[in-house]
Amino acid sequence: MDNSREEEIDQWILQEGIRTHRRRRIIPSSTNQISHTPVGTGLDAMEKVAFYFGDRPELPIVEMGQIKEHEVTLSFGEDVHLDEPFYPVSEEYKDHWAIAHTDALALSTGTVYGQQTAALTAIGNSMAGAKVLVNTNRWEVLGSVGLARFTTAIMVGQVMEQATEPWARNQHIWLVGYRELGPKLVSFLTPYHDESRFHLVESMEQITPGELHGTSATIYVMGSGPATIEAYDRIRSENVGLMTDTVVTEQAMFISEDEDGGATIVNAGPNGLKIWPHLVAEGDGLYAAMDITWHKRRQEAESAAEAVENLTVRNFLPAGDADKPAGSTSISVEELEAMLDRQSMIPDHESNLVENGMSGAPIPAPEPATSAPSAQEQAPRFTLALLGRPQIYSADGAIAGGKPAETVAYLHLNGSAADAITTSRALWPDEESEGPAARTRRTRTAKKIKDTLPEIFRNEVEWRIDRLDTDIEWIVATLTGSSDPQRILDACELVDAPLRACAQWADRHRSRIADELRQILWDVENQALASDQVELAEASRQASHRLQ
């Protein structure tokens, strides 16, 4: 081989090594959890920091931040002192601090997120791969400018990003002028962000100051203009930010589309800040998944409405009472109303569609993007995820979170069965376990579980689930039985603190699960070090930290 060819190969190897290194430094989006793709340690570290601030409400607001490859850096609204393991980024500035991922994951914290980071959301990645965080409450107005496809994509992508960020769990998200996109986004994101914290309106004038008072909120406005900032000025309060698809005021920061597919945050420093923003447009995998989810939910809503319309009182009479004359039933009026309540079967943001007759129109099945994986490729490796926030997976890859997933986790870890009242007390300890409201909660929860796991869940007599596979079983089997380094790495990436955000019933299970996994990961780390597999050793060590 001649020298020039050897030099070309050496140069290619060098460039490929640089590209690989850069890819590893890119902090993934929080939306990766929608497809159960690993999100790495950076987002977990940021969540731990948010919990840490929850124990220290006296600390000032975090204005901006970055999640880097090995550390999280934060800029506060004023000078502040933080104890170790936090460290100042420079001696000159006392409002700029950092913490290593490993130290953040090891912090001893409570389970309440700090108000300082409630509206801190990632708006893209820097050229070095770091995730750039901006507090919408602090900067108040963030605009965007570019072609219509760009501004729409950023307004969709940014909602998805904030709604899936765990430390934004209590943030209210207002979608103004999103039209048909609004219900689609809410339906798609409710496994990751409580449905009651989404609000859909057609104009800013529909929002009142009273609705925003005392809340932390981000208002996203499509079709914005000069009147948007005037309406915002009338209703704004201390912890309310605004993001628009145009530049409604030149005094604020705005994201400007660049020719290379990236963007620049104008007014963020003297020369702006170059980023790769979160864009979700038609044809992208997430957009296609949102459309498919919406189509499925609409079909379910129509089926539920049709079933309710066909119900009569006879459907609810006890056995043997069907032939008795009207008025002889022992069912109370409250019970009957709860049983016939459409709202117990149709999500709140979809009920207006059924009431207005829109559900009667045929809905063509959306065409999935060609780049989206097939249903078979998306098939889950397990049915129930117990690590992180519980999630359940149907055979076709559909996902449910929230109380339905927590209910399945509760049943799985408590003998596979429980009566309805006991289940209510465990899942909603602060609410009444009997009466119409409790029955409505259980009806909604049971329906979502049946939609996802129709062959596994039953609630005719008691709430019961059949045997199902869990992420913990898959991880343990892989860590203890696989010789494939990539599979072991994949298993380590899935490890997270068990049963996050669950009610008190989960307390007695968390330490047991974490201890069992920690011991297995310890063995994996030792074996990896003994065979000089440094990447495996580091992955298992990081996984152990996330269990804390």
Protein backbone atom coordinates (compact mmCIF):
# COMPACT_ATOMS: atom_id res chain seq x y z
CA MET A 1 0.00 0.00 0.00
CA ASP A 2 1.43 3.42 -0.97
CA ASN A 3 2.10 6.11 1.62
CA SER A 4 -0.66 8.43 0.37
CA ARG A 5 -3.28 5.71 0.83
CA GLU A 6 -2.00 4.99 4.34
CA GLU A 7 -2.20 8.69 5.16
CA GLU A 8 -5.79 8.81 3.90
CA ILE A 9 -6.75 5.87 6.12
CA ASP A 10 -5.01 7.43 9.12
CA GLN A 11 -6.84 10.70 8.50
CA TRP A 12 -10.18 8.87 8.19
CA ILE A 13 -9.55 7.02 11.47
CA LEU A 14 -8.69 10.32 13.16
CA GLN A 15 -11.82 12.07 11.88
CA GLU A 16 -14.07 9.13 12.75
CA GLY A 17 -12.59 9.09 16.25
CA ILE A 18 -13.37 12.80 16.62
CA ARG A 19 -16.93 12.30 15.41
CA THR A 20 -17.47 9.36 17.77
CA HIS A 21 -16.12 11.39 20.69
CA ARG A 22 -18.45 14.28 19.83
CA ARG A 23 -21.46 11.98 19.59
CA ARG A 24 -20.73 10.59 23.04
CA ARG A 25 -20.64 14.13 24.43
CA ILE A 26 -24.11 15.02 23.12
CA ILE A 27 -26.55 15.01 26.04
CA PRO A 28 -29.74 13.30 24.83
CA SER A 29 -33.20 14.83 24.91
CA SER A 30 -35.59 14.02 27.74
CA THR A 31 -38.03 12.95 25.00
CA ASN A 32 -35.88 9.83 24.52
CA GLN A 33 -37.79 8.23 27.38
CA ILE A 34 -40.92 8.19 25.17
CA SER A 35 -39.29 5.42 23.12
CA HIS A 36 -37.56 4.08 26.26
CA THR A 37 -34.20 5.05 24.81
CA PRO A 38 -31.52 5.65 27.48
CA VAL A 39 -31.22 9.31 28.47
CA GLY A 40 -27.86 8.98 30.22
CA THR A 41 -26.71 10.27 33.59
CA GLY A 42 -26.91 14.00 32.83
CA LEU A 43 -30.68 14.28 33.10
CA ASP A 44 -30.69 12.10 36.22
CA ALA A 45 -28.04 14.35 37.74
CA MET A 46 -30.13 17.45 36.95
CA GLU A 47 -33.18 15.85 38.54
CA LYS A 48 -31.17 15.14 41.70
CA VAL A 49 -30.07 18.78 41.80
CA ALA A 50 -33.71 19.85 41.51
CA PHE A 51 -34.58 17.60 44.48
CA TYR A 52 -31.64 19.11 46.40
CA PHE A 53 -33.00 22.62 45.81
CA GLY A 54 -36.42 21.44 46.99
CA ASP A 55 -34.88 20.99 50.44
CA ARG A 56 -33.41 24.53 50.26
CA PRO A 57 -36.19 26.95 49.24
CA GLU A 58 -34.09 29.92 50.38
CA LEU A 59 -31.78 29.56 47.35
CA PRO A 60 -32.43 31.98 44.44
CA ILE A 61 -33.83 31.06 41.04
CA VAL A 62 -31.62 29.30 38.49
CA GLU A 63 -31.54 31.53 35.39
CA MET A 64 -29.63 29.30 32.99
CA GLY A 65 -27.61 26.12 33.00
CA GLN A 66 -25.86 23.45 30.99
CA ILE A 67 -25.85 19.68 31.30
CA LYS A 68 -22.40 18.68 30.07
CA GLU A 69 -20.76 15.31 29.57
CA HIS A 70 -19.56 15.00 33.17
CA GLU A 71 -21.00 17.97 35.05
CA VAL A 72 -24.00 20.26 35.46
CA THR A 73 -23.38 24.03 35.54
CA LEU A 74 -25.92 26.52 36.87
CA SER A 75 -26.20 30.33 36.80
CA PHE A 76 -28.28 31.82 39.63
CA GLY A 77 -30.22 35.07 39.72
CA GLU A 78 -27.86 36.44 42.38
CA ASP A 79 -24.66 35.57 44.22
CA VAL A 80 -25.00 32.43 46.29
CA HIS A 81 -22.92 30.01 48.33
CA LEU A 82 -23.35 26.27 47.90
CA ASP A 83 -21.74 23.60 50.02
CA GLU A 84 -19.63 20.79 48.60
CA PRO A 85 -19.82 18.83 46.37
CA PHE A 86 -20.91 21.93 44.40
CA TYR A 87 -17.98 24.10 43.32
CA PRO A 88 -17.72 27.62 41.83
CA VAL A 89 -17.00 27.76 38.11
CA SER A 90 -14.70 30.72 38.69
CA GLU A 91 -13.45 32.76 41.61
CA GLU A 92 -14.72 35.96 39.99
CA TYR A 93 -18.41 35.09 39.76
CA LYS A 94 -20.33 33.82 42.79
CA ASP A 95 -23.55 33.15 40.88
CA HIS A 96 -22.11 30.40 38.67
CA TRP A 97 -21.72 26.90 40.18
CA ALA A 98 -21.20 23.35 39.00
CA ILE A 99 -21.43 19.76 40.23
CA ALA A 100 -20.15 16.51 38.76
CA HIS A 101 -22.73 13.95 37.64
CA THR A 102 -21.42 11.33 40.06
CA ASP A 103 -21.62 13.77 42.98
CA ALA A 104 -25.11 14.92 42.02
CA LEU A 105 -26.38 11.34 41.83
CA ALA A 106 -25.00 10.71 45.32
CA LEU A 107 -26.73 13.75 46.91
CA SER A 108 -29.00 13.02 49.85
CA THR A 109 -32.33 14.66 48.97
CA GLY A 110 -36.04 14.64 49.55
CA THR A 111 -38.62 13.99 46.84
CA VAL A 112 -39.91 17.54 46.24
CA TYR A 113 -38.58 19.49 43.27
CA GLY A 114 -37.27 23.00 43.94
CA GLN A 115 -39.17 26.01 42.65
CA GLN A 116 -35.80 27.39 41.48
CA THR A 117 -35.73 24.94 38.55
CA ALA A 118 -39.46 24.40 37.90
CA ALA A 119 -39.36 26.31 34.59
CA LEU A 120 -35.75 25.46 33.69
CA THR A 121 -36.08 23.78 30.29
CA ALA A 122 -33.62 22.59 27.66
CA ILE A 123 -33.88 24.57 24.43
CA GLY A 124 -31.23 22.62 22.49
CA ASN A 125 -27.64 21.44 22.48
CA SER A 126 -24.54 23.60 22.20
CA MET A 127 -21.93 22.95 19.53
CA ALA A 128 -19.98 20.95 22.14
CA GLY A 129 -23.00 18.73 22.82
CA ALA A 130 -24.04 20.22 26.17
CA LYS A 131 -27.74 20.64 26.84
CA VAL A 132 -28.55 24.35 27.17
CA LEU A 133 -31.13 25.21 29.84
CA VAL A 134 -33.12 28.44 30.08
CA ASN A 135 -35.57 29.39 32.84
CA THR A 136 -38.72 30.64 31.09
CA ASN A 137 -39.99 32.19 34.33
CA ARG A 138 -36.83 34.26 34.72
CA TRP A 139 -36.46 35.47 31.12
CA GLU A 140 -40.25 35.74 30.72
CA VAL A 141 -40.41 36.04 26.90
CA LEU A 142 -38.64 33.75 24.42
CA GLY A 143 -39.49 34.16 20.73
CA SER A 144 -38.55 32.37 17.52
CA VAL A 145 -38.02 33.43 13.93
CA GLY A 146 -37.57 31.48 10.70
CA LEU A 147 -39.55 29.64 8.08
CA ALA A 148 -42.98 28.38 9.13
CA ARG A 149 -41.79 24.77 9.23
CA PHE A 150 -38.98 25.75 11.63
CA THR A 151 -41.11 27.80 14.01
CA THR A 152 -43.85 25.16 14.13
CA ALA A 153 -41.28 22.41 14.72
CA ILE A 154 -39.66 24.31 17.57
CA MET A 155 -43.02 25.08 19.21
CA VAL A 156 -43.93 21.37 19.10
CA GLY A 157 -40.49 20.10 20.09
CA GLN A 158 -40.15 22.51 22.99
CA VAL A 159 -43.49 21.48 24.49
CA MET A 160 -42.44 17.83 24.27
CA GLU A 161 -39.09 18.64 25.87
CA GLN A 162 -40.49 20.54 28.85
CA ALA A 163 -43.32 18.08 29.44
CA THR A 164 -40.90 15.15 29.68
CA GLU A 165 -38.37 16.87 31.95
CA PRO A 166 -38.92 15.32 35.40
CA TRP A 167 -38.10 18.48 37.37
CA ALA A 168 -40.89 20.28 35.42
CA ARG A 169 -43.48 17.86 36.77
CA ASN A 170 -45.45 20.62 38.53
CA GLN A 171 -45.16 23.16 35.72
CA HIS A 172 -48.43 24.27 34.11
CA ILE A 173 -48.21 24.23 30.31
CA TRP A 174 -50.61 26.46 28.37
CA LEU A 175 -51.02 25.80 24.65
CA VAL A 176 -52.53 28.83 22.93
CA GLY A 177 -53.70 28.63 19.31
CA TYR A 178 -52.39 25.12 18.75
CA ARG A 179 -55.75 24.04 17.27
CA GLU A 180 -55.71 20.32 16.37
CA LEU A 181 -52.09 20.01 17.56
CA GLY A 182 -53.08 20.85 21.15
CA PRO A 183 -55.16 17.75 21.94
CA LYS A 184 -52.64 15.58 20.08
CA LEU A 185 -49.76 16.84 22.22
CA VAL A 186 -51.69 16.45 25.46
CA SER A 187 -52.79 12.93 24.58
CA PHE A 188 -49.22 11.99 23.64
CA LEU A 189 -47.53 13.53 26.68
CA THR A 190 -49.87 12.65 29.56
CA PRO A 191 -47.82 9.54 30.48
CA TYR A 192 -45.01 11.97 31.38
CA HIS A 193 -46.82 15.12 32.54
CA ASP A 194 -50.04 15.24 34.55
CA GLU A 195 -53.00 15.95 32.27
CA SER A 196 -54.45 18.46 34.75
CA ARG A 197 -51.41 20.69 34.20
CA PHE A 198 -52.07 21.09 30.48
CA HIS A 199 -54.41 23.90 29.40
CA LEU A 200 -55.74 24.41 25.85
CA VAL A 201 -57.13 27.77 24.73
CA GLU A 202 -57.46 29.47 21.36
CA SER A 203 -56.35 32.97 22.40
CA MET A 204 -54.48 34.75 25.19
CA GLU A 205 -57.67 36.62 26.05
CA GLN A 206 -59.14 33.38 27.39
CA ILE A 207 -56.51 33.22 30.16
CA THR A 208 -57.29 35.16 33.34
CA PRO A 209 -54.79 36.44 35.92
CA GLY A 210 -56.56 34.33 38.55
CA GLU A 211 -55.79 31.13 36.67
CA LEU A 212 -52.07 31.94 36.68
CA HIS A 213 -51.80 33.39 40.19
CA GLY A 214 -49.76 31.20 42.51
CA THR A 215 -48.70 28.79 39.76
CA SER A 216 -45.50 28.21 37.82
CA ALA A 217 -46.41 28.16 34.13
CA THR A 218 -45.10 28.41 30.58
CA ILE A 219 -47.46 29.78 27.92
CA TYR A 220 -46.73 28.59 24.37
CA VAL A 221 -48.42 30.71 21.69
CA MET A 222 -48.87 29.74 18.02
CA GLY A 223 -49.96 32.48 15.65
CA SER A 224 -48.49 35.14 17.95
CA GLY A 225 -48.25 38.84 17.14
CA PRO A 226 -48.07 42.31 18.75
CA ALA A 227 -51.30 41.68 20.66
CA THR A 228 -49.68 38.64 22.34
CA ILE A 229 -47.25 40.68 24.40
CA GLU A 230 -50.02 43.14 25.34
CA ALA A 231 -52.20 40.27 26.59
CA TYR A 232 -49.21 38.76 28.42
CA ASP A 233 -48.51 42.05 30.19
CA ARG A 234 -52.12 42.07 31.46
CA ILE A 235 -52.04 38.56 32.93
CA ARG A 236 -48.41 37.90 33.81
CA SER A 237 -47.40 37.02 37.33
CA GLU A 238 -44.14 36.21 39.08
CA ASN A 239 -43.59 32.67 37.80
CA VAL A 240 -45.09 32.74 34.32
CA GLY A 241 -43.05 32.64 31.11
CA LEU A 242 -44.00 33.01 27.45
CA MET A 243 -42.70 31.32 24.29
CA THR A 244 -43.93 32.45 20.87
CA ASP A 245 -43.56 31.45 17.22
CA THR A 246 -42.63 35.03 16.25
CA VAL A 247 -40.61 37.86 17.80
CA VAL A 248 -43.22 39.76 19.80
CA THR A 249 -40.68 42.11 21.40
CA GLU A 250 -37.10 42.88 20.41
CA GLN A 251 -36.23 43.33 24.08
CA ALA A 252 -36.45 39.56 24.69
CA MET A 253 -34.30 36.63 23.63
CA PHE A 254 -35.40 34.78 20.51
CA ILE A 255 -34.27 31.68 18.62
CA SER A 256 -33.34 32.49 15.03
CA GLU A 257 -33.15 29.77 12.34
CA ASP A 258 -29.73 29.36 10.71
CA GLU A 259 -29.02 28.11 7.21
CA ASP A 260 -27.17 25.00 8.47
CA GLY A 261 -30.24 23.60 10.28
CA GLY A 262 -29.17 24.96 13.64
CA ALA A 263 -30.21 28.19 15.34
CA THR A 264 -28.84 31.15 17.28
CA ILE A 265 -30.29 32.50 20.52
CA VAL A 266 -30.21 36.23 19.83
CA ASN A 267 -29.72 38.60 22.80
CA ALA A 268 -28.01 35.80 24.76
CA GLY A 269 -24.61 37.46 25.06
CA PRO A 270 -22.88 39.87 22.67
CA ASN A 271 -22.72 37.40 19.75
CA GLY A 272 -25.68 35.20 20.61
CA LEU A 273 -25.47 31.50 21.41
CA LYS A 274 -25.35 28.85 18.67
CA ILE A 275 -27.49 25.74 19.39
CA TRP A 276 -29.10 22.73 17.76
CA PRO A 277 -32.72 23.27 18.86
CA HIS A 278 -35.35 20.64 19.65
CA LEU A 279 -37.31 20.39 16.40
CA VAL A 280 -40.23 17.99 15.92
CA ALA A 281 -41.83 18.35 12.49
CA GLU A 282 -44.10 16.30 10.28
CA GLY A 283 -42.13 13.31 9.03
CA ASP A 284 -40.11 12.97 12.25
CA GLY A 285 -40.47 9.80 14.31
CA LEU A 286 -41.90 11.58 17.37
CA TYR A 287 -44.45 13.44 15.26
CA ALA A 288 -45.56 10.20 13.60
CA ALA A 289 -45.83 8.51 17.00
CA MET A 290 -47.96 11.43 18.26
CA ASP A 291 -50.31 11.09 15.28
CA ILE A 292 -50.65 7.33 15.75
CA THR A 293 -51.34 7.75 19.48
CA TRP A 294 -53.98 10.41 18.77
CA HIS A 295 -55.70 8.26 16.17
CA LYS A 296 -55.86 5.37 18.64
CA ARG A 297 -57.22 7.57 21.45
CA ARG A 298 -59.92 9.00 19.15
CA GLN A 299 -61.02 5.49 18.20
CA GLU A 300 -61.15 4.54 21.90
CA ALA A 301 -63.18 7.67 22.71
CA GLU A 302 -65.67 6.88 19.96
CA SER A 303 -66.02 3.27 21.12
CA ALA A 304 -66.52 4.41 24.72
CA ALA A 305 -69.14 6.98 23.69
CA GLU A 306 -70.99 4.39 21.62
CA ALA A 307 -70.92 1.93 24.52
CA VAL A 308 -72.31 4.55 26.92
CA GLU A 309 -75.10 5.49 24.51
CA ASN A 310 -76.21 1.84 24.41
CA LEU A 311 -76.29 1.43 28.19
CA THR A 312 -79.53 1.26 30.14
CA VAL A 313 -80.29 0.93 33.82
CA ARG A 314 -80.79 -2.81 33.25
CA ASN A 315 -77.06 -3.16 32.55
CA PHE A 316 -76.35 -2.23 36.17
CA LEU A 317 -79.05 -4.17 37.98
CA PRO A 318 -77.85 -7.01 40.22
CA ALA A 319 -78.43 -10.55 38.96
CA GLY A 320 -82.12 -11.47 39.28
CA ASP A 321 -83.32 -7.86 39.38
CA ALA A 322 -83.51 -7.41 35.60
CA ASP A 323 -87.20 -8.38 35.50
CA LYS A 324 -88.27 -6.30 38.49
CA PRO A 325 -90.35 -3.19 37.82
CA ALA A 326 -88.62 0.16 37.56
CA GLY A 327 -88.03 1.78 40.95
CA SER A 328 -87.25 -1.47 42.75
CA THR A 329 -83.51 -1.32 42.20
CA SER A 330 -81.25 -0.83 45.21
CA ILE A 331 -78.63 1.14 43.27
CA SER A 332 -78.37 4.72 44.49
CA VAL A 333 -78.73 7.73 42.21
CA GLU A 334 -75.11 8.73 42.91
CA GLU A 335 -73.83 5.29 41.95
CA LEU A 336 -75.84 5.26 38.74
CA GLU A 337 -74.65 8.73 37.77
CA ALA A 338 -71.04 7.71 38.38
CA MET A 339 -71.51 4.61 36.22
CA LEU A 340 -73.03 6.59 33.35
CA ASP A 341 -70.65 9.54 33.60
CA ARG A 342 -69.01 9.92 30.20
CA GLN A 343 -66.17 11.86 31.75
CA SER A 344 -65.07 8.69 33.55
CA MET A 345 -64.46 7.06 30.19
CA ILE A 346 -63.26 9.89 27.95
CA PRO A 347 -60.17 12.06 28.73
CA ASP A 348 -61.03 15.65 29.65
CA HIS A 349 -59.33 17.23 26.63
CA GLU A 350 -61.22 14.88 24.24
CA SER A 351 -64.70 15.16 25.74
CA ASN A 352 -65.56 18.33 23.82
CA LEU A 353 -64.85 16.53 20.56
CA VAL A 354 -67.41 13.82 21.37
CA GLU A 355 -69.98 16.31 22.68
CA ASN A 356 -69.72 18.43 19.54
CA GLY A 357 -70.29 15.42 17.30
CA MET A 358 -66.79 15.41 15.80
CA SER A 359 -66.30 11.80 16.82
CA GLY A 360 -68.79 10.69 14.19
CA ALA A 361 -66.53 11.64 11.28
CA PRO A 362 -64.34 8.88 9.90
CA ILE A 363 -60.67 9.40 10.70
CA PRO A 364 -58.14 8.22 8.13
CA ALA A 365 -55.19 6.39 9.62
CA PRO A 366 -52.15 8.70 9.55
CA GLU A 367 -49.22 7.64 7.42
CA PRO A 368 -46.21 6.98 9.68
CA ALA A 369 -42.90 8.53 8.69
CA THR A 370 -40.71 6.21 6.67
CA SER A 371 -37.93 6.64 9.20
CA ALA A 372 -40.11 5.49 12.11
CA PRO A 373 -39.45 1.91 13.29
CA SER A 374 -42.08 -0.72 12.65
CA ALA A 375 -44.37 -2.00 15.39
CA GLN A 376 -42.36 -5.20 15.55
CA GLU A 377 -39.13 -3.26 15.94
CA GLN A 378 -40.76 -1.22 18.73
CA ALA A 379 -42.00 -4.33 20.61
CA PRO A 380 -41.02 -3.95 24.27
CA ARG A 381 -38.66 -6.32 26.01
CA PHE A 382 -40.93 -6.27 29.04
CA THR A 383 -44.47 -5.31 30.00
CA LEU A 384 -43.90 -3.35 33.22
CA ALA A 385 -41.10 -0.89 33.97
CA LEU A 386 -40.54 -0.49 37.71
CA LEU A 387 -37.39 1.61 37.46
CA GLY A 388 -37.91 5.36 37.20
CA ARG A 389 -41.57 6.28 36.94
CA PRO A 390 -43.57 3.09 36.33
CA GLN A 391 -44.72 2.47 32.77
CA ILE A 392 -46.68 -0.33 31.10
CA TYR A 393 -46.24 -1.48 27.51
CA SER A 394 -48.78 -3.16 25.27
CA ALA A 395 -47.79 -5.83 22.76
CA ASP A 396 -47.85 -3.26 19.94
CA GLY A 397 -45.58 -0.84 21.79
CA ALA A 398 -48.20 1.57 23.19
CA ILE A 399 -47.17 3.10 26.53
CA ALA A 400 -49.13 4.20 29.59
CA GLY A 401 -47.73 5.88 32.67
CA GLY A 402 -49.17 7.77 35.63
CA LYS A 403 -51.66 6.08 37.96
CA PRO A 404 -52.52 3.21 35.57
CA ALA A 405 -48.88 2.11 35.48
CA GLU A 406 -48.47 2.70 39.21
CA THR A 407 -51.55 0.54 39.83
CA VAL A 408 -50.07 -2.35 37.85
CA ALA A 409 -46.79 -1.93 39.74
CA TYR A 410 -48.69 -1.98 43.04
CA LEU A 411 -50.56 -5.17 42.13
CA HIS A 412 -47.41 -6.85 40.82
CA LEU A 413 -45.47 -6.16 44.00
CA ASN A 414 -48.33 -6.97 46.36
CA GLY A 415 -49.49 -10.45 45.43
CA SER A 416 -51.06 -9.66 42.01
CA ALA A 417 -54.52 -8.86 43.45
CA ALA A 418 -56.32 -6.44 45.77
CA ASP A 419 -59.90 -5.27 46.27
CA ALA A 420 -60.96 -1.89 44.87
CA ILE A 421 -61.05 -0.05 48.20
CA THR A 422 -57.60 -1.26 49.24
CA THR A 423 -56.25 -0.22 45.85
CA SER A 424 -57.78 3.26 46.22
CA ARG A 425 -56.25 3.74 49.66
CA ALA A 426 -52.82 2.75 48.36
CA LEU A 427 -52.86 4.74 45.14
CA TRP A 428 -54.67 7.87 46.39
CA PRO A 429 -53.85 8.00 50.13
CA ASP A 430 -54.94 11.64 50.42
CA GLU A 431 -58.32 11.14 48.74
CA GLU A 432 -61.57 9.46 49.75
CA SER A 433 -61.55 5.75 48.88
CA GLU A 434 -65.34 5.43 48.60
CA GLY A 435 -68.09 7.43 46.91
CA PRO A 436 -68.68 8.68 43.34
CA ALA A 437 -65.38 10.55 43.00
CA ALA A 438 -63.37 7.51 44.08
CA ARG A 439 -65.32 5.26 41.72
CA THR A 440 -64.71 7.68 38.85
CA ARG A 441 -60.95 7.67 39.55
CA ARG A 442 -60.92 3.88 39.60
CA THR A 443 -63.00 3.66 36.40
CA ARG A 444 -60.65 5.92 34.49
CA THR A 445 -57.61 4.09 35.79
CA ALA A 446 -59.04 0.64 35.06
CA LYS A 447 -60.00 1.64 31.52
CA LYS A 448 -56.50 2.86 30.68
CA ILE A 449 -54.99 -0.35 32.07
CA LYS A 450 -57.41 -2.48 30.04
CA ASP A 451 -56.62 -0.47 26.91
CA THR A 452 -52.93 -1.23 27.34
CA LEU A 453 -53.02 -4.72 28.88
CA PRO A 454 -56.36 -6.25 27.87
CA GLU A 455 -55.17 -9.84 28.30
CA ILE A 456 -53.51 -9.36 31.66
CA PHE A 457 -55.75 -7.11 33.79
CA ARG A 458 -59.19 -7.92 35.26
CA ASN A 459 -61.36 -6.02 37.73
CA GLU A 460 -64.72 -7.83 37.71
CA VAL A 461 -64.51 -8.93 41.36
CA GLU A 462 -61.14 -7.68 42.53
CA TRP A 463 -58.30 -5.89 40.78
CA ARG A 464 -55.98 -8.62 39.47
CA ILE A 465 -53.13 -8.96 37.00
CA ASP A 466 -51.63 -12.09 35.50
CA ARG A 467 -47.94 -12.84 35.48
CA LEU A 468 -46.00 -10.24 33.49
CA ASP A 469 -42.38 -9.48 32.61
CA THR A 470 -40.64 -6.49 34.20
CA ASP A 471 -37.64 -4.39 33.34
CA ILE A 472 -35.93 -5.57 36.53
CA GLU A 473 -36.20 -9.22 35.49
CA TRP A 474 -34.80 -8.40 32.04
CA ILE A 475 -31.93 -6.38 33.51
CA VAL A 476 -31.02 -9.05 36.07
CA ALA A 477 -31.17 -11.82 33.46
CA THR A 478 -28.95 -9.80 31.13
CA LEU A 479 -26.41 -8.75 33.76
CA THR A 480 -26.07 -12.26 35.18
CA GLY A 481 -26.47 -14.38 32.06
CA SER A 482 -25.32 -12.47 28.98
CA SER A 483 -21.80 -12.41 27.57
CA ASP A 484 -22.61 -9.71 25.01
CA PRO A 485 -20.99 -6.43 26.17
CA GLN A 486 -23.52 -4.29 24.25
CA ARG A 487 -26.50 -6.03 25.86
CA ILE A 488 -24.91 -5.51 29.27
CA LEU A 489 -24.38 -1.83 28.47
CA ASP A 490 -28.02 -1.57 27.38
CA ALA A 491 -29.13 -3.14 30.66
CA CYS A 492 -26.97 -0.73 32.69
CA GLU A 493 -28.46 2.24 30.83
CA LEU A 494 -31.99 1.17 31.87
CA VAL A 495 -31.15 1.17 35.58
CA ASP A 496 -32.82 3.99 37.50
CA ALA A 497 -34.17 4.67 40.99
CA PRO A 498 -37.16 2.34 41.48
CA LEU A 499 -40.79 3.49 41.70
CA ARG A 500 -40.22 7.21 41.35
CA ALA A 501 -43.14 9.52 42.15
CA CYS A 502 -45.24 6.64 43.55
CA ALA A 503 -47.36 6.93 46.72
CA GLN A 504 -46.24 5.73 50.15
CA TRP A 505 -47.05 2.09 49.38
CA ALA A 506 -43.82 1.95 47.34
CA ASP A 507 -41.52 2.94 50.20
CA ARG A 508 -41.00 -0.59 51.50
CA HIS A 509 -40.09 -1.91 48.04
CA ARG A 510 -37.58 0.75 46.93
CA SER A 511 -34.65 -0.18 49.16
CA ARG A 512 -35.08 -3.92 48.53
CA ILE A 513 -35.05 -3.48 44.76
CA ALA A 514 -32.12 -1.05 44.85
CA ASP A 515 -30.05 -3.31 47.13
CA GLU A 516 -30.57 -6.35 44.90
CA LEU A 517 -29.58 -4.47 41.75
CA ARG A 518 -26.66 -2.75 43.44
CA GLN A 519 -25.11 -6.09 44.43
CA ILE A 520 -25.44 -7.44 40.88
CA LEU A 521 -23.95 -4.27 39.42
CA TRP A 522 -21.08 -4.51 41.89
CA ASP A 523 -20.29 -8.01 40.58
CA VAL A 524 -20.51 -6.80 36.97
CA GLU A 525 -18.12 -3.93 37.71
CA ASN A 526 -15.57 -6.23 39.35
CA GLN A 527 -15.73 -8.73 36.49
CA ALA A 528 -15.37 -5.95 33.94
CA LEU A 529 -12.32 -4.49 35.69
CA ALA A 530 -10.73 -7.93 35.93
CA SER A 531 -11.04 -8.31 32.14
CA ASP A 532 -10.02 -4.69 31.36
CA GLN A 533 -13.48 -3.76 30.08
CA VAL A 534 -13.34 -0.18 31.30
CA GLU A 535 -16.52 0.98 29.55
CA LEU A 536 -18.57 -1.80 31.16
CA ALA A 537 -17.11 -1.05 34.58
CA GLU A 538 -17.96 2.63 34.27
CA ALA A 539 -21.49 1.87 33.02
CA SER A 540 -22.20 -0.42 35.97
CA ARG A 541 -20.76 2.13 38.40
CA GLN A 542 -22.96 4.89 36.99
CA ALA A 543 -25.98 2.59 37.14
CA SER A 544 -25.32 1.95 40.83
CA HIS A 545 -25.18 5.70 41.49
CA ARG A 546 -28.58 6.18 39.87
CA LEU A 547 -30.13 3.76 42.35
CA GLN A 548 -29.41 6.13 45.24
